[in-house]
C-alpha atoms as a PDB file:
ATOM      1  CA  MET A   1     116.335 109.249  96.046  1.00  0.00           C
ATOM      2  CA  ALA A   2     117.158 105.862  94.695  1.00  0.00           C
ATOM      3  CA  LEU A   3     118.132 102.757  97.252  1.00  0.00           C
ATOM      4  CA  ASN A   4     120.101 100.064  95.796  1.00  0.00           C
ATOM      5  CA  LYS A   5     118.224  97.371  94.117  1.00  0.00           C
ATOM      6  CA  GLU A   6     120.192  94.809  95.576  1.00  0.00           C
ATOM      7  CA  LEU A   7     119.892  96.160  99.014  1.00  0.00           C
ATOM      8  CA  LEU A   8     116.289  96.093  98.628  1.00  0.00           C
ATOM      9  CA  ASP A   9     116.083  92.524  97.574  1.00  0.00           C
ATOM     10  CA  ILE A  10     117.645  91.349 100.841  1.00  0.00           C
ATOM     11  CA  LEU A  11     116.296  93.618 103.395  1.00  0.00           C
ATOM     12  CA  VAL A  12     113.595  91.888 105.419  1.00  0.00           C
ATOM     13  CA  CYS A  13     111.267  93.170 108.218  1.00  0.00           C
ATOM     14  CA  PRO A  14     113.303  92.922 111.532  1.00  0.00           C
ATOM     15  CA  LYS A  15     110.251  91.947 113.650  1.00  0.00           C
ATOM     16  CA  CYS A  16     108.931  88.969 111.502  1.00  0.00           C
ATOM     17  CA  LYS A  17     111.467  88.679 108.794  1.00  0.00           C
ATOM     18  CA  GLY A  18     108.946  88.873 106.125  1.00  0.00           C
ATOM     19  CA  GLU A  19     109.060  90.850 102.977  1.00  0.00           C
ATOM     20  CA  ILE A  20     109.113  94.526 102.993  1.00  0.00           C
ATOM     21  CA  HIS A  21     108.618  97.256  99.920  1.00  0.00           C
ATOM     22  CA  LEU A  22     109.169 100.647  99.310  1.00  0.00           C
ATOM     23  CA  THR A  23     106.637 103.168  99.676  1.00  0.00           C
ATOM     24  CA  ALA A  24     105.207 105.199  96.440  1.00  0.00           C
ATOM     25  CA  GLY A  25     107.122 108.302  97.892  1.00  0.00           C
ATOM     26  CA  GLU A  26     110.121 106.314  98.433  1.00  0.00           C
ATOM     27  CA  ASP A  27     110.373 107.602 101.856  1.00  0.00           C
ATOM     28  CA  GLY A  28     109.903 104.497 103.810  1.00  0.00           C
ATOM     29  CA  LEU A  29     109.752 100.337 103.917  1.00  0.00           C
ATOM     30  CA  VAL A  30     106.466  98.848 104.591  1.00  0.00           C
ATOM     31  CA  CYS A  31     106.103  95.425 106.288  1.00  0.00           C
ATOM     32  CA  GLU A  32     102.223  94.387 105.459  1.00  0.00           C
ATOM     33  CA  ARG A  33     102.079  91.550 107.787  1.00  0.00           C
ATOM     34  CA  CYS A  34     103.359  93.532 110.652  1.00  0.00           C
ATOM     35  CA  ARG A  35     101.695  96.909 109.238  1.00  0.00           C
ATOM     36  CA  LEU A  36     104.990  98.963 110.087  1.00  0.00           C
ATOM     37  CA  LEU A  37     106.584 101.556 108.432  1.00  0.00           C
ATOM     38  CA  TYR A  38     110.459 101.660 108.443  1.00  0.00           C
ATOM     39  CA  PRO A  39     111.507 105.364 107.545  1.00  0.00           C
ATOM     40  CA  ILE A  40     114.405 106.155 105.102  1.00  0.00           C
ATOM     41  CA  ARG A  41     116.649 109.218 106.401  1.00  0.00           C
ATOM     42  CA  ASP A  42     119.674 110.439 104.049  1.00  0.00           C
ATOM     43  CA  GLU A  43     118.958 107.420 101.819  1.00  0.00           C
ATOM     44  CA  ILE A  44     119.574 104.964 104.896  1.00  0.00           C
ATOM     45  CA  PRO A  45     116.749 102.650 105.862  1.00  0.00           C
ATOM     46  CA  ILE A  46     116.173 102.630 109.690  1.00  0.00           C
ATOM     47  CA  MET A  47     115.499  99.020 110.390  1.00  0.00           C
ATOM     48  CA  LEU A  48     115.147  99.268 113.873  1.00  0.00           C
ATOM     49  CA  ILE A  49     111.626  97.901 115.449  1.00  0.00           C
ATOM     50  CA  ASP A  50     111.458 101.006 117.881  1.00  0.00           C
ATOM     51  CA  GLU A  51     111.890 103.366 115.019  1.00  0.00           C
ATOM     52  CA  ALA A  52     109.015 101.766 112.757  1.00  0.00           C
ATOM     53  CA  GLN A  53     105.819 103.608 112.541  1.00  0.00           C
ATOM     54  CA  PRO A  54     102.427 101.727 113.066  1.00  0.00           C
ATOM     55  CA  MET A  55     100.386 101.782 109.741  1.00  0.00           C
ATOM     56  CA  GLU A  56      96.633 102.706 109.814  1.00  0.00           C
ATOM     57  CA  PRO A  57      94.497  99.441 109.257  1.00  0.00           C
END
């Protein structure tokens, strides 16, 4: 799976507007500041705060 590099450059965390990065498995986007993981389904990032999964500290 490959998300468009240009898309990744403009996406930000919808909660804090901070930077996000792709997970190692390329199955989600992580906001380190909020400690949230936004899933990617069918090559579409789900950038809804309610759909985000909290990350372990």
